[in-house]
PDB file of N, CA and C in Angstrom:
ATOM      1  N   MET A   1       4.045   3.306  17.098  1.00  0.00           N
ATOM      2  CA  MET A   1       4.943   2.717  16.200  1.00  0.00           C
ATOM      3  C   MET A   1       4.629   3.073  14.781  1.00  0.00           C
ATOM      4  N   SER A   2       5.590   3.502  14.031  1.00  0.00           N
ATOM      5  CA  SER A   2       5.463   3.902  12.661  1.00  0.00           C
ATOM      6  C   SER A   2       5.196   2.697  11.761  1.00  0.00           C
ATOM      7  N   GLY A   3       4.370   2.870  10.685  1.00  0.00           N
ATOM      8  CA  GLY A   3       4.147   1.752   9.809  1.00  0.00           C
ATOM      9  C   GLY A   3       5.439   1.406   9.000  1.00  0.00           C
ATOM     10  N   TRP A   4       6.373   2.283   8.942  1.00  0.00           N
ATOM     11  CA  TRP A   4       7.648   2.057   8.248  1.00  0.00           C
ATOM     12  C   TRP A   4       8.664   1.303   9.076  1.00  0.00           C
ATOM     13  N   GLU A   5       8.381   1.208  10.408  1.00  0.00           N
ATOM     14  CA  GLU A   5       9.336   0.590  11.265  1.00  0.00           C
ATOM     15  C   GLU A   5       9.525  -0.855  10.911  1.00  0.00           C
ATOM     16  N   GLY A   6      10.778  -1.320  10.726  1.00  0.00           N
ATOM     17  CA  GLY A   6      11.031  -2.662  10.349  1.00  0.00           C
ATOM     18  C   GLY A   6      10.849  -2.950   8.896  1.00  0.00           C
ATOM     19  N   SER A   7      10.520  -1.931   8.085  1.00  0.00           N
ATOM     20  CA  SER A   7      10.292  -2.122   6.665  1.00  0.00           C
ATOM     21  C   SER A   7      11.567  -1.779   5.881  1.00  0.00           C
ATOM     22  N   ASP A   8      11.814  -2.523   4.785  1.00  0.00           N
ATOM     23  CA  ASP A   8      12.919  -2.144   3.925  1.00  0.00           C
ATOM     24  C   ASP A   8      12.474  -1.404   2.713  1.00  0.00           C
ATOM     25  N   ARG A   9      11.235  -0.914   2.683  1.00  0.00           N
ATOM     26  CA  ARG A   9      10.663  -0.306   1.565  1.00  0.00           C
ATOM     27  C   ARG A   9      11.496   0.868   1.064  1.00  0.00           C
ATOM     28  N   ARG A  10      11.923   1.751   1.945  1.00  0.00           N
ATOM     29  CA  ARG A  10      12.651   2.960   1.491  1.00  0.00           C
ATOM     30  C   ARG A  10      14.001   2.589   0.927  1.00  0.00           C
ATOM     31  N   ALA A  11      14.606   1.501   1.433  1.00  0.00           N
ATOM     32  CA  ALA A  11      15.912   1.093   0.958  1.00  0.00           C
ATOM     33  C   ALA A  11      15.739   0.496  -0.487  1.00  0.00           C
ATOM     34  N   ARG A  12      14.564   0.008  -0.813  1.00  0.00           N
ATOM     35  CA  ARG A  12      14.309  -0.523  -2.170  1.00  0.00           C
ATOM     36  C   ARG A  12      13.967   0.511  -3.218  1.00  0.00           C
ATOM     37  N   LEU A  13      13.791   1.793  -2.825  1.00  0.00           N
ATOM     38  CA  LEU A  13      13.455   2.828  -3.794  1.00  0.00           C
ATOM     39  C   LEU A  13      14.732   3.130  -4.615  1.00  0.00           C
ATOM     40  N   PRO A  14      14.560   3.505  -5.893  1.00  0.00           N
ATOM     41  CA  PRO A  14      15.721   3.774  -6.654  1.00  0.00           C
ATOM     42  C   PRO A  14      16.442   5.084  -6.133  1.00  0.00           C
ATOM     43  N   ALA A  15      17.739   5.147  -6.522  1.00  0.00           N
ATOM     44  CA  ALA A  15      18.576   6.283  -6.088  1.00  0.00           C
ATOM     45  C   ALA A  15      17.930   7.675  -6.562  1.00  0.00           C
ATOM     46  N   ASN A  16      17.243   7.629  -7.722  1.00  0.00           N
ATOM     47  CA  ASN A  16      16.699   8.842  -8.256  1.00  0.00           C
ATOM     48  C   ASN A  16      15.233   9.074  -7.776  1.00  0.00           C
ATOM     49  N   TRP A  17      14.782   8.402  -6.740  1.00  0.00           N
ATOM     50  CA  TRP A  17      13.421   8.535  -6.284  1.00  0.00           C
ATOM     51  C   TRP A  17      12.970   9.969  -6.057  1.00  0.00           C
ATOM     52  N   PRO A  18      13.791  10.846  -5.459  1.00  0.00           N
ATOM     53  CA  PRO A  18      13.378  12.233  -5.278  1.00  0.00           C
ATOM     54  C   PRO A  18      12.988  12.905  -6.616  1.00  0.00           C
ATOM     55  N   ALA A  19      13.709  12.627  -7.664  1.00  0.00           N
ATOM     56  CA  ALA A  19      13.408  13.183  -8.976  1.00  0.00           C
ATOM     57  C   ALA A  19      12.160  12.585  -9.532  1.00  0.00           C
ATOM     58  N   ILE A  20      11.979  11.322  -9.400  1.00  0.00           N
ATOM     59  CA  ILE A  20      10.721  10.635  -9.816  1.00  0.00           C
ATOM     60  C   ILE A  20       9.556  11.222  -9.106  1.00  0.00           C
ATOM     61  N   ARG A  21       9.668  11.334  -7.781  1.00  0.00           N
ATOM     62  CA  ARG A  21       8.561  11.874  -6.963  1.00  0.00           C
ATOM     63  C   ARG A  21       8.197  13.269  -7.427  1.00  0.00           C
ATOM     64  N   ARG A  22       9.187  14.123  -7.614  1.00  0.00           N
ATOM     65  CA  ARG A  22       8.872  15.503  -8.096  1.00  0.00           C
ATOM     66  C   ARG A  22       8.134  15.465  -9.457  1.00  0.00           C
ATOM     67  N   ARG A  23       8.644  14.602 -10.355  1.00  0.00           N
ATOM     68  CA  ARG A  23       8.009  14.535 -11.647  1.00  0.00           C
ATOM     69  C   ARG A  23       6.580  14.083 -11.598  1.00  0.00           C
ATOM     70  N   ILE A  24       6.243  13.091 -10.750  1.00  0.00           N
ATOM     71  CA  ILE A  24       4.844  12.613 -10.625  1.00  0.00           C
ATOM     72  C   ILE A  24       3.994  13.696  -9.948  1.00  0.00           C
ATOM     73  N   LEU A  25       4.507  14.311  -8.948  1.00  0.00           N
ATOM     74  CA  LEU A  25       3.626  15.370  -8.307  1.00  0.00           C
ATOM     75  C   LEU A  25       3.380  16.553  -9.283  1.00  0.00           C
ATOM     76  N   ARG A  26       4.418  16.869 -10.107  1.00  0.00           N
ATOM     77  CA  ARG A  26       4.190  17.897 -11.067  1.00  0.00           C
ATOM     78  C   ARG A  26       3.201  17.472 -12.153  1.00  0.00           C
ATOM     79  N   ARG A  27       3.333  16.207 -12.580  1.00  0.00           N
ATOM     80  CA  ARG A  27       2.415  15.660 -13.605  1.00  0.00           C
ATOM     81  C   ARG A  27       0.973  15.777 -13.182  1.00  0.00           C
ATOM     82  N   ASP A  28       0.743  15.448 -11.889  1.00  0.00           N
ATOM     83  CA  ASP A  28      -0.621  15.451 -11.360  1.00  0.00           C
ATOM     84  C   ASP A  28      -1.012  16.813 -10.649  1.00  0.00           C
ATOM     85  N   ALA A  29      -0.246  17.824 -10.985  1.00  0.00           N
ATOM     86  CA  ALA A  29      -0.498  19.184 -10.510  1.00  0.00           C
ATOM     87  C   ALA A  29      -0.615  19.284  -9.012  1.00  0.00           C
ATOM     88  N   HIS A  30       0.185  18.470  -8.296  1.00  0.00           N
ATOM     89  CA  HIS A  30       0.242  18.405  -6.842  1.00  0.00           C
ATOM     90  C   HIS A  30      -1.154  18.234  -6.239  1.00  0.00           C
ATOM     91  N   ARG A  31      -2.040  17.532  -6.932  1.00  0.00           N
ATOM     92  CA  ARG A  31      -3.390  17.259  -6.392  1.00  0.00           C
ATOM     93  C   ARG A  31      -3.531  15.773  -6.212  1.00  0.00           C
ATOM     94  N   CYS A  32      -4.254  15.377  -5.191  1.00  0.00           N
ATOM     95  CA  CYS A  32      -4.517  13.959  -4.963  1.00  0.00           C
ATOM     96  C   CYS A  32      -5.359  13.412  -6.099  1.00  0.00           C
ATOM     97  N   THR A  33      -4.977  12.229  -6.564  1.00  0.00           N
ATOM     98  CA  THR A  33      -5.645  11.625  -7.716  1.00  0.00           C
ATOM     99  C   THR A  33      -6.658  10.524  -7.258  1.00  0.00           C
ATOM    100  N   ALA A  34      -6.747  10.322  -5.962  1.00  0.00           N
ATOM    101  CA  ALA A  34      -7.660   9.297  -5.428  1.00  0.00           C
ATOM    102  C   ALA A  34      -9.068   9.723  -5.688  1.00  0.00           C
ATOM    103  N   ARG A  35      -9.984   8.745  -5.806  1.00  0.00           N
ATOM    104  CA  ARG A  35     -11.400   9.050  -6.045  1.00  0.00           C
ATOM    105  C   ARG A  35     -12.188   8.868  -4.740  1.00  0.00           C
ATOM    106  N   THR A  36     -13.159   9.750  -4.546  1.00  0.00           N
ATOM    107  CA  THR A  36     -13.977   9.686  -3.341  1.00  0.00           C
ATOM    108  C   THR A  36     -15.081   8.644  -3.499  1.00  0.00           C
ATOM    109  N   VAL A  37     -15.893   8.407  -2.516  1.00  0.00           N
ATOM    110  CA  VAL A  37     -16.960   7.441  -2.625  1.00  0.00           C
ATOM    111  C   VAL A  37     -17.972   7.878  -3.664  1.00  0.00           C
ATOM    112  N   TYR A  38     -17.982   9.191  -3.990  1.00  0.00           N
ATOM    113  CA  TYR A  38     -18.924   9.790  -4.976  1.00  0.00           C
ATOM    114  C   TYR A  38     -18.301   9.753  -6.325  1.00  0.00           C
ATOM    115  N   ASP A  39     -17.160   9.076  -6.528  1.00  0.00           N
ATOM    116  CA  ASP A  39     -16.392   9.004  -7.727  1.00  0.00           C
ATOM    117  C   ASP A  39     -15.906  10.346  -8.250  1.00  0.00           C
ATOM    118  N   GLU A  40     -15.615  11.225  -7.329  1.00  0.00           N
ATOM    119  CA  GLU A  40     -15.040  12.501  -7.614  1.00  0.00           C
ATOM    120  C   GLU A  40     -13.565  12.504  -7.202  1.00  0.00           C
ATOM    121  N   ARG A  41     -12.772  13.304  -7.833  1.00  0.00           N
ATOM    122  CA  ARG A  41     -11.350  13.352  -7.469  1.00  0.00           C
ATOM    123  C   ARG A  41     -11.203  14.069  -6.102  1.00  0.00           C
ATOM    124  N   CYS A  42     -10.370  13.585  -5.193  1.00  0.00           N
ATOM    125  CA  CYS A  42     -10.165  14.160  -3.976  1.00  0.00           C
ATOM    126  C   CYS A  42      -9.605  15.587  -4.173  1.00  0.00           C
ATOM    127  N   SER A  43     -10.044  16.517  -3.310  1.00  0.00           N
ATOM    128  CA  SER A  43      -9.651  17.911  -3.485  1.00  0.00           C
ATOM    129  C   SER A  43      -8.457  18.362  -2.657  1.00  0.00           C
ATOM    130  N   GLU A  44      -7.880  17.376  -1.914  1.00  0.00           N
ATOM    131  CA  GLU A  44      -6.763  17.700  -1.099  1.00  0.00           C
ATOM    132  C   GLU A  44      -5.409  17.805  -1.894  1.00  0.00           C
ATOM    133  N   PRO A  45      -4.479  18.592  -1.416  1.00  0.00           N
ATOM    134  CA  PRO A  45      -3.174  18.621  -2.111  1.00  0.00           C
ATOM    135  C   PRO A  45      -2.443  17.335  -1.947  1.00  0.00           C
ATOM    136  N   ALA A  46      -1.709  16.914  -2.918  1.00  0.00           N
ATOM    137  CA  ALA A  46      -0.924  15.644  -2.870  1.00  0.00           C
ATOM    138  C   ALA A  46       0.347  15.921  -2.085  1.00  0.00           C
ATOM    139  N   THR A  47       0.644  14.983  -1.166  1.00  0.00           N
ATOM    140  CA  THR A  47       1.898  15.048  -0.380  1.00  0.00           C
ATOM    141  C   THR A  47       2.768  13.816  -0.635  1.00  0.00           C
ATOM    142  N   ASP A  48       2.183  12.766  -1.149  1.00  0.00           N
ATOM    143  CA  ASP A  48       2.921  11.470  -1.319  1.00  0.00           C
ATOM    144  C   ASP A  48       2.791  10.976  -2.807  1.00  0.00           C
ATOM    145  N   VAL A  49       3.651  10.129  -3.171  1.00  0.00           N
ATOM    146  CA  VAL A  49       3.566   9.426  -4.418  1.00  0.00           C
ATOM    147  C   VAL A  49       3.371   7.951  -4.070  1.00  0.00           C
ATOM    148  N   ASP A  50       2.325   7.353  -4.631  1.00  0.00           N
ATOM    149  CA  ASP A  50       1.887   5.993  -4.315  1.00  0.00           C
ATOM    150  C   ASP A  50       2.134   5.091  -5.510  1.00  0.00           C
ATOM    151  N   HIS A  51       2.551   3.850  -5.230  1.00  0.00           N
ATOM    152  CA  HIS A  51       2.588   2.783  -6.258  1.00  0.00           C
ATOM    153  C   HIS A  51       1.136   2.232  -6.363  1.00  0.00           C
ATOM    154  N   ILE A  52       0.588   2.307  -7.588  1.00  0.00           N
ATOM    155  CA  ILE A  52      -0.737   1.779  -7.827  1.00  0.00           C
ATOM    156  C   ILE A  52      -0.784   0.274  -7.533  1.00  0.00           C
ATOM    157  N   GLU A  53       0.143  -0.461  -8.170  1.00  0.00           N
ATOM    158  CA  GLU A  53       0.253  -1.878  -7.896  1.00  0.00           C
ATOM    159  C   GLU A  53       1.426  -2.047  -6.989  1.00  0.00           C
ATOM    160  N   PRO A  54       1.282  -2.773  -5.856  1.00  0.00           N
ATOM    161  CA  PRO A  54       2.393  -2.916  -4.866  1.00  0.00           C
ATOM    162  C   PRO A  54       3.570  -3.573  -5.547  1.00  0.00           C
ATOM    163  N   GLY A  55       4.712  -3.269  -5.046  1.00  0.00           N
ATOM    164  CA  GLY A  55       5.958  -3.844  -5.628  1.00  0.00           C
ATOM    165  C   GLY A  55       6.970  -2.777  -5.956  1.00  0.00           C
ATOM    166  N   ASP A  56       7.901  -3.172  -6.774  1.00  0.00           N
ATOM    167  CA  ASP A  56       9.013  -2.310  -7.064  1.00  0.00           C
ATOM    168  C   ASP A  56       8.987  -1.801  -8.488  1.00  0.00           C
ATOM    169  N   ASP A  57       7.818  -1.670  -9.053  1.00  0.00           N
ATOM    170  CA  ASP A  57       7.614  -1.080 -10.325  1.00  0.00           C
ATOM    171  C   ASP A  57       7.512   0.458 -10.248  1.00  0.00           C
ATOM    172  N   HIS A  58       8.598   1.110 -10.580  1.00  0.00           N
ATOM    173  CA  HIS A  58       8.661   2.558 -10.376  1.00  0.00           C
ATOM    174  C   HIS A  58       8.402   3.342 -11.663  1.00  0.00           C
ATOM    175  N   ARG A  59       7.821   2.705 -12.644  1.00  0.00           N
ATOM    176  CA  ARG A  59       7.492   3.431 -13.931  1.00  0.00           C
ATOM    177  C   ARG A  59       6.325   4.445 -13.659  1.00  0.00           C
ATOM    178  N   ASP A  60       6.363   5.504 -14.402  1.00  0.00           N
ATOM    179  CA  ASP A  60       5.407   6.581 -14.188  1.00  0.00           C
ATOM    180  C   ASP A  60       3.959   6.043 -14.241  1.00  0.00           C
ATOM    181  N   ALA A  61       3.717   5.057 -15.150  1.00  0.00           N
ATOM    182  CA  ALA A  61       2.352   4.542 -15.294  1.00  0.00           C
ATOM    183  C   ALA A  61       1.809   3.853 -14.009  1.00  0.00           C
ATOM    184  N   ASN A  62       2.756   3.447 -13.100  1.00  0.00           N
ATOM    185  CA  ASN A  62       2.359   2.813 -11.878  1.00  0.00           C
ATOM    186  C   ASN A  62       2.466   3.694 -10.647  1.00  0.00           C
ATOM    187  N   LEU A  63       2.625   4.970 -10.890  1.00  0.00           N
ATOM    188  CA  LEU A  63       2.752   5.926  -9.774  1.00  0.00           C
ATOM    189  C   LEU A  63       1.688   7.010  -9.911  1.00  0.00           C
ATOM    190  N   ARG A  64       1.184   7.447  -8.728  1.00  0.00           N
ATOM    191  CA  ARG A  64       0.185   8.537  -8.698  1.00  0.00           C
ATOM    192  C   ARG A  64       0.433   9.373  -7.438  1.00  0.00           C
ATOM    193  N   SER A  65      -0.022  10.618  -7.556  1.00  0.00           N
ATOM    194  CA  SER A  65       0.065  11.498  -6.439  1.00  0.00           C
ATOM    195  C   SER A  65      -1.179  11.333  -5.540  1.00  0.00           C
ATOM    196  N   VAL A  66      -0.980  11.293  -4.240  1.00  0.00           N
ATOM    197  CA  VAL A  66      -2.087  11.145  -3.318  1.00  0.00           C
ATOM    198  C   VAL A  66      -1.849  12.048  -2.079  1.00  0.00           C
ATOM    199  N   CYS A  67      -2.944  12.378  -1.361  1.00  0.00           N
ATOM    200  CA  CYS A  67      -2.828  13.081  -0.119  1.00  0.00           C
ATOM    201  C   CYS A  67      -2.455  12.117   0.951  1.00  0.00           C
ATOM    202  N   GLU A  68      -2.030  12.668   2.074  1.00  0.00           N
ATOM    203  CA  GLU A  68      -1.564  11.784   3.158  1.00  0.00           C
ATOM    204  C   GLU A  68      -2.646  10.850   3.679  1.00  0.00           C
ATOM    205  N   TRP A  69      -3.880  11.387   3.725  1.00  0.00           N
ATOM    206  CA  TRP A  69      -5.033  10.538   4.252  1.00  0.00           C
ATOM    207  C   TRP A  69      -5.216   9.306   3.325  1.00  0.00           C
ATOM    208  N   HIS A  70      -5.305   9.530   2.011  1.00  0.00           N
ATOM    209  CA  HIS A  70      -5.545   8.447   1.096  1.00  0.00           C
ATOM    210  C   HIS A  70      -4.323   7.466   1.080  1.00  0.00           C
ATOM    211  N   HIS A  71      -3.141   8.002   1.183  1.00  0.00           N
ATOM    212  CA  HIS A  71      -1.965   7.146   1.186  1.00  0.00           C
ATOM    213  C   HIS A  71      -1.989   6.235   2.433  1.00  0.00           C
ATOM    214  N   ARG A  72      -2.221   6.812   3.585  1.00  0.00           N
ATOM    215  CA  ARG A  72      -2.302   6.025   4.832  1.00  0.00           C
ATOM    216  C   ARG A  72      -3.405   4.976   4.745  1.00  0.00           C
ATOM    217  N   ARG A  73      -4.529   5.343   4.218  1.00  0.00           N
ATOM    218  CA  ARG A  73      -5.719   4.441   4.112  1.00  0.00           C
ATOM    219  C   ARG A  73      -5.343   3.239   3.219  1.00  0.00           C
ATOM    220  N   LYS A  74      -4.753   3.456   2.060  1.00  0.00           N
ATOM    221  CA  LYS A  74      -4.405   2.432   1.106  1.00  0.00           C
ATOM    222  C   LYS A  74      -3.333   1.551   1.687  1.00  0.00           C
ATOM    223  N   SER A  75      -2.264   2.193   2.268  1.00  0.00           N
ATOM    224  CA  SER A  75      -1.158   1.400   2.868  1.00  0.00           C
ATOM    225  C   SER A  75      -1.630   0.600   4.059  1.00  0.00           C
ATOM    226  N   GLY A  76      -2.596   1.101   4.763  1.00  0.00           N
ATOM    227  CA  GLY A  76      -3.132   0.393   5.947  1.00  0.00           C
ATOM    228  C   GLY A  76      -3.895  -0.869   5.507  1.00  0.00           C
ATOM    229  N   ARG A  77      -4.713  -0.701   4.438  1.00  0.00           N
ATOM    230  CA  ARG A  77      -5.423  -1.896   3.896  1.00  0.00           C
ATOM    231  C   ARG A  77      -4.445  -2.930   3.401  1.00  0.00           C
ATOM    232  N   GLU A  78      -3.417  -2.503   2.681  1.00  0.00           N
ATOM    233  CA  GLU A  78      -2.445  -3.441   2.147  1.00  0.00           C
ATOM    234  C   GLU A  78      -1.679  -4.124   3.287  1.00  0.00           C
ATOM    235  N   GLY A  79      -1.357  -3.385   4.338  1.00  0.00           N
ATOM    236  CA  GLY A  79      -0.695  -3.991   5.445  1.00  0.00           C
ATOM    237  C   GLY A  79      -1.524  -4.986   6.239  1.00  0.00           C
ATOM    238  N   ALA A  80      -2.840  -4.648   6.350  1.00  0.00           N
ATOM    239  CA  ALA A  80      -3.736  -5.529   7.053  1.00  0.00           C
ATOM    240  C   ALA A  80      -3.955  -6.786   6.257  1.00  0.00           C
ATOM    241  N   ALA A  81      -4.023  -6.702   4.934  1.00  0.00           N
ATOM    242  CA  ALA A  81      -4.176  -7.879   4.079  1.00  0.00           C
ATOM    243  C   ALA A  81      -2.952  -8.789   4.224  1.00  0.00           C
ATOM    244  N   ALA A  82      -1.757  -8.163   4.223  1.00  0.00           N
ATOM    245  CA  ALA A  82      -0.551  -8.941   4.354  1.00  0.00           C
ATOM    246  C   ALA A  82      -0.470  -9.671   5.700  1.00  0.00           C
ATOM    247  N   ARG A  83      -0.834  -8.927   6.783  1.00  0.00           N
ATOM    248  CA  ARG A  83      -0.884  -9.566   8.122  1.00  0.00           C
ATOM    249  C   ARG A  83      -1.872 -10.674   8.187  1.00  0.00           C
ATOM    250  N   ALA A  84      -3.049 -10.516   7.580  1.00  0.00           N
ATOM    251  CA  ALA A  84      -4.079 -11.600   7.575  1.00  0.00           C
ATOM    252  C   ALA A  84      -3.604 -12.810   6.822  1.00  0.00           C
ATOM    253  N   ALA A  85      -2.861 -12.573   5.704  1.00  0.00           N
ATOM    254  CA  ALA A  85      -2.350 -13.705   4.938  1.00  0.00           C
ATOM    255  C   ALA A  85      -1.295 -14.493   5.756  1.00  0.00           C
ATOM    256  N   VAL A  86      -0.458 -13.768   6.471  1.00  0.00           N
ATOM    257  CA  VAL A  86       0.542 -14.424   7.339  1.00  0.00           C
ATOM    258  C   VAL A  86      -0.170 -15.213   8.463  1.00  0.00           C
ATOM    259  N   TRP A  87      -1.170 -14.593   9.036  1.00  0.00           N
ATOM    260  CA  TRP A  87      -1.932 -15.308  10.134  1.00  0.00           C
ATOM    261  C   TRP A  87      -2.557 -16.557   9.595  1.00  0.00           C
ATOM    262  N   ARG A  88      -3.249 -16.459   8.448  1.00  0.00           N
ATOM    263  CA  ARG A  88      -3.864 -17.721   7.859  1.00  0.00           C
ATOM    264  C   ARG A  88      -2.788 -18.756   7.571  1.00  0.00           C
ATOM    265  N   ARG A  89      -1.699 -18.355   7.054  1.00  0.00           N
ATOM    266  CA  ARG A  89      -0.639 -19.315   6.722  1.00  0.00           C
ATOM    267  C   ARG A  89      -0.153 -19.980   8.054  1.00  0.00           C
ATOM    268  N   ASN A  90       0.077 -19.205   9.089  1.00  0.00           N
ATOM    269  CA  ASN A  90       0.536 -19.760  10.384  1.00  0.00           C
ATOM    270  C   ASN A  90      -0.536 -20.648  11.019  1.00  0.00           C
ATOM    271  N   GLN A  91      -1.816 -20.274  10.902  1.00  0.00           N
ATOM    272  CA  GLN A  91      -2.878 -21.071  11.500  1.00  0.00           C
ATOM    273  C   GLN A  91      -2.980 -22.497  10.852  1.00  0.00           C
ATOM    274  N   SER A  92      -2.730 -22.537   9.536  1.00  0.00           N
ATOM    275  CA  SER A  92      -2.824 -23.784   8.889  1.00  0.00           C
ATOM    276  C   SER A  92      -1.809 -24.816   9.375  1.00  0.00           C
ATOM    277  N   LYS A  93      -0.729 -24.381   9.957  1.00  0.00           N
ATOM    278  CA  LYS A  93       0.221 -25.333  10.529  1.00  0.00           C
ATOM    279  C   LYS A  93      -0.311 -26.064  11.732  1.00  0.00           C
ATOM    280  N   TYR A  94      -1.316 -25.447  12.417  1.00  0.00           N
ATOM    281  CA  TYR A  94      -1.812 -26.079  13.633  1.00  0.00           C
ATOM    282  C   TYR A  94      -3.137 -26.782  13.462  1.00  0.00           C
ATOM    283  N   ARG A  95      -3.699 -26.767  12.273  1.00  0.00           N
ATOM    284  CA  ARG A  95      -5.007 -27.418  12.111  1.00  0.00           C
ATOM    285  C   ARG A  95      -4.798 -28.943  11.993  1.00  0.00           C
ATOM    286  N   ARG A  96      -5.726 -29.626  12.591  1.00  0.00           N
ATOM    287  CA  ARG A  96      -5.637 -31.089  12.547  1.00  0.00           C
ATOM    288  C   ARG A  96      -6.265 -31.512  11.252  1.00  0.00           C
ATOM    289  N   SER A  97      -5.661 -32.499  10.665  1.00  0.00           N
ATOM    290  CA  SER A  97      -6.161 -33.042   9.377  1.00  0.00           C
ATOM    291  C   SER A  97      -7.291 -34.061   9.617  1.00  0.00           C
ATOM    292  N   GLU A  98      -7.277 -34.707  10.802  1.00  0.00           N
ATOM    293  CA  GLU A  98      -8.265 -35.680  11.101  1.00  0.00           C
ATOM    294  C   GLU A  98      -9.475 -35.013  11.852  1.00  0.00           C
ATOM    295  N   ALA A  99     -10.635 -35.619  11.792  1.00  0.00           N
ATOM    296  CA  ALA A  99     -11.735 -35.101  12.495  1.00  0.00           C
ATOM    297  C   ALA A  99     -11.574 -35.278  13.998  1.00  0.00           C
ATOM    298  N   HIS A 100     -12.156 -34.358  14.729  1.00  0.00           N
ATOM    299  CA  HIS A 100     -12.126 -34.396  16.179  1.00  0.00           C
ATOM    300  C   HIS A 100     -12.831 -35.680  16.664  1.00  0.00           C
ATOM    301  N   PRO A 101     -12.313 -36.423  17.603  1.00  0.00           N
ATOM    302  CA  PRO A 101     -12.896 -37.742  18.043  1.00  0.00           C
ATOM    303  C   PRO A 101     -14.310 -37.573  18.558  1.00  0.00           C
ATOM    304  N   GLY A 102     -14.683 -36.450  19.099  1.00  0.00           N
ATOM    305  CA  GLY A 102     -16.020 -36.255  19.565  1.00  0.00           C
ATOM    306  C   GLY A 102     -17.066 -36.024  18.462  1.00  0.00           C
ATOM    307  N   LEU A 103     -16.564 -35.713  17.303  1.00  0.00           N
ATOM    308  CA  LEU A 103     -17.501 -35.388  16.170  1.00  0.00           C
ATOM    309  C   LEU A 103     -17.615 -36.611  15.250  1.00  0.00           C
ATOM    310  N   VAL A 104     -16.883 -37.717  15.495  1.00  0.00           N
ATOM    311  CA  VAL A 104     -16.955 -38.856  14.610  1.00  0.00           C
ATOM    312  C   VAL A 104     -18.210 -39.667  14.909  1.00  0.00           C
TER     313      VAL A 104
END
Protein backbone atom coordinates (compact mmCIF):
# COMPACT_ATOMS: atom_id res chain seq x y z
CA MET A 1 0.00 0.00 0.00
CA SER A 2 1.35 3.41 -0.97
CA GLY A 3 1.82 6.06 1.70
CA TRP A 4 -0.23 8.41 -0.49
CA GLU A 5 -3.23 6.07 -0.55
CA GLY A 6 -6.18 7.78 1.09
CA SER A 7 -4.28 11.07 1.37
CA ASP A 8 -5.59 14.36 0.01
CA ARG A 9 -2.10 15.86 0.03
CA ARG A 10 -1.69 16.06 -3.74
CA ALA A 11 -5.11 17.67 -4.15
CA ARG A 12 -4.03 20.40 -1.69
CA LEU A 13 -0.96 21.37 -3.74
CA PRO A 14 -1.32 24.63 -5.69
CA ALA A 15 -2.09 24.50 -9.41
CA ASN A 16 1.39 25.81 -10.19
CA TRP A 17 3.14 23.11 -8.11
CA PRO A 18 5.10 21.74 -11.11
CA ALA A 19 6.63 25.20 -11.67
CA ILE A 20 7.37 25.63 -7.95
CA ARG A 21 8.95 22.17 -7.85
CA ARG A 22 11.19 22.93 -10.85
CA ARG A 23 12.24 26.26 -9.30
CA ILE A 24 13.21 24.65 -5.97
CA LEU A 25 15.12 21.81 -7.65
CA ARG A 26 16.98 24.37 -9.78
CA ARG A 27 17.71 26.56 -6.73
CA ASP A 28 19.26 23.59 -4.91
CA ALA A 29 21.18 22.47 -8.02
CA HIS A 30 19.17 19.21 -8.12
CA ARG A 31 21.09 17.97 -5.04
CA CYS A 32 19.60 16.62 -1.83
CA THR A 33 19.84 19.25 0.92
CA ALA A 34 19.37 16.80 3.81
CA ARG A 35 22.23 16.46 6.28
CA THR A 36 23.84 13.12 7.11
CA VAL A 37 24.59 11.90 10.64
CA TYR A 38 28.07 13.40 10.11
CA ASP A 39 26.47 16.81 9.41
CA GLU A 40 27.48 16.65 5.76
CA ARG A 41 25.14 17.35 2.88
CA CYS A 42 23.73 14.21 1.26
CA SER A 43 25.49 13.49 -2.03
CA GLU A 44 22.46 11.96 -3.79
CA PRO A 45 20.58 13.76 -6.56
CA ALA A 46 17.32 15.37 -5.48
CA THR A 47 14.15 13.80 -6.85
CA ASP A 48 11.55 15.35 -4.55
CA VAL A 49 10.63 18.72 -3.06
CA ASP A 50 9.84 18.55 0.64
CA HIS A 51 7.96 20.92 2.95
CA ILE A 52 10.33 21.68 5.83
CA GLU A 53 7.43 22.43 8.17
CA PRO A 54 4.39 20.21 7.53
CA GLY A 55 1.31 21.90 6.19
CA ASP A 56 0.27 23.93 3.22
CA ASP A 57 2.95 26.63 3.31
CA HIS A 58 4.33 26.49 -0.24
CA ARG A 59 6.69 29.47 0.07
CA ASP A 60 10.23 28.87 -1.20
CA ALA A 61 11.64 29.32 2.32
CA ASN A 62 9.63 26.28 3.48
CA LEU A 63 10.64 24.03 0.58
CA ARG A 64 13.81 22.04 -0.03
CA SER A 65 15.10 19.49 -2.51
CA VAL A 66 15.67 15.99 -1.17
CA CYS A 67 16.52 12.54 -2.50
CA GLU A 68 13.87 9.83 -2.45
CA TRP A 69 15.47 8.09 0.56
CA HIS A 70 15.48 11.18 2.77
CA HIS A 71 11.96 12.15 1.68
CA ARG A 72 10.59 8.69 2.51
CA ARG A 73 12.42 8.70 5.83
CA LYS A 74 11.05 12.10 6.89
CA SER A 75 7.53 11.37 5.63
CA GLY A 76 7.59 8.01 7.42
CA ARG A 77 8.56 9.64 10.72
CA GLU A 78 5.82 12.24 10.34
CA GLY A 79 3.25 9.57 9.48
CA ALA A 80 4.28 7.42 12.45
CA ALA A 81 4.01 10.41 14.79
CA ALA A 82 0.53 11.21 13.46
CA ARG A 83 -0.61 7.59 13.87
CA ALA A 84 0.79 7.51 17.42
CA ALA A 85 -1.08 10.71 18.30
CA VAL A 86 -4.35 9.23 16.99
CA TRP A 87 -3.71 6.01 18.93
CA ARG A 88 -3.05 7.94 22.17
CA ARG A 89 -6.18 10.03 21.62
CA ASN A 90 -8.28 6.89 21.04
CA GLN A 91 -6.80 5.08 24.04
CA SER A 92 -7.72 7.93 26.37
CA LYS A 93 -11.40 7.25 25.60
CA TYR A 94 -11.13 3.83 27.22
CA ARG A 95 -9.10 4.66 30.33
CA ARG A 96 -10.89 4.43 33.62
CA SER A 97 -10.81 7.56 35.69
CA GLU A 98 -11.18 5.68 38.97
CA ALA A 99 -8.59 3.35 40.48
CA HIS A 100 -8.92 -0.37 39.90
CA PRO A 101 -10.79 -1.99 42.86
CA GLY A 102 -7.96 -4.45 43.46
CA LEU A 103 -5.46 -1.62 43.88
CA VAL A 104 -7.46 0.36 46.46
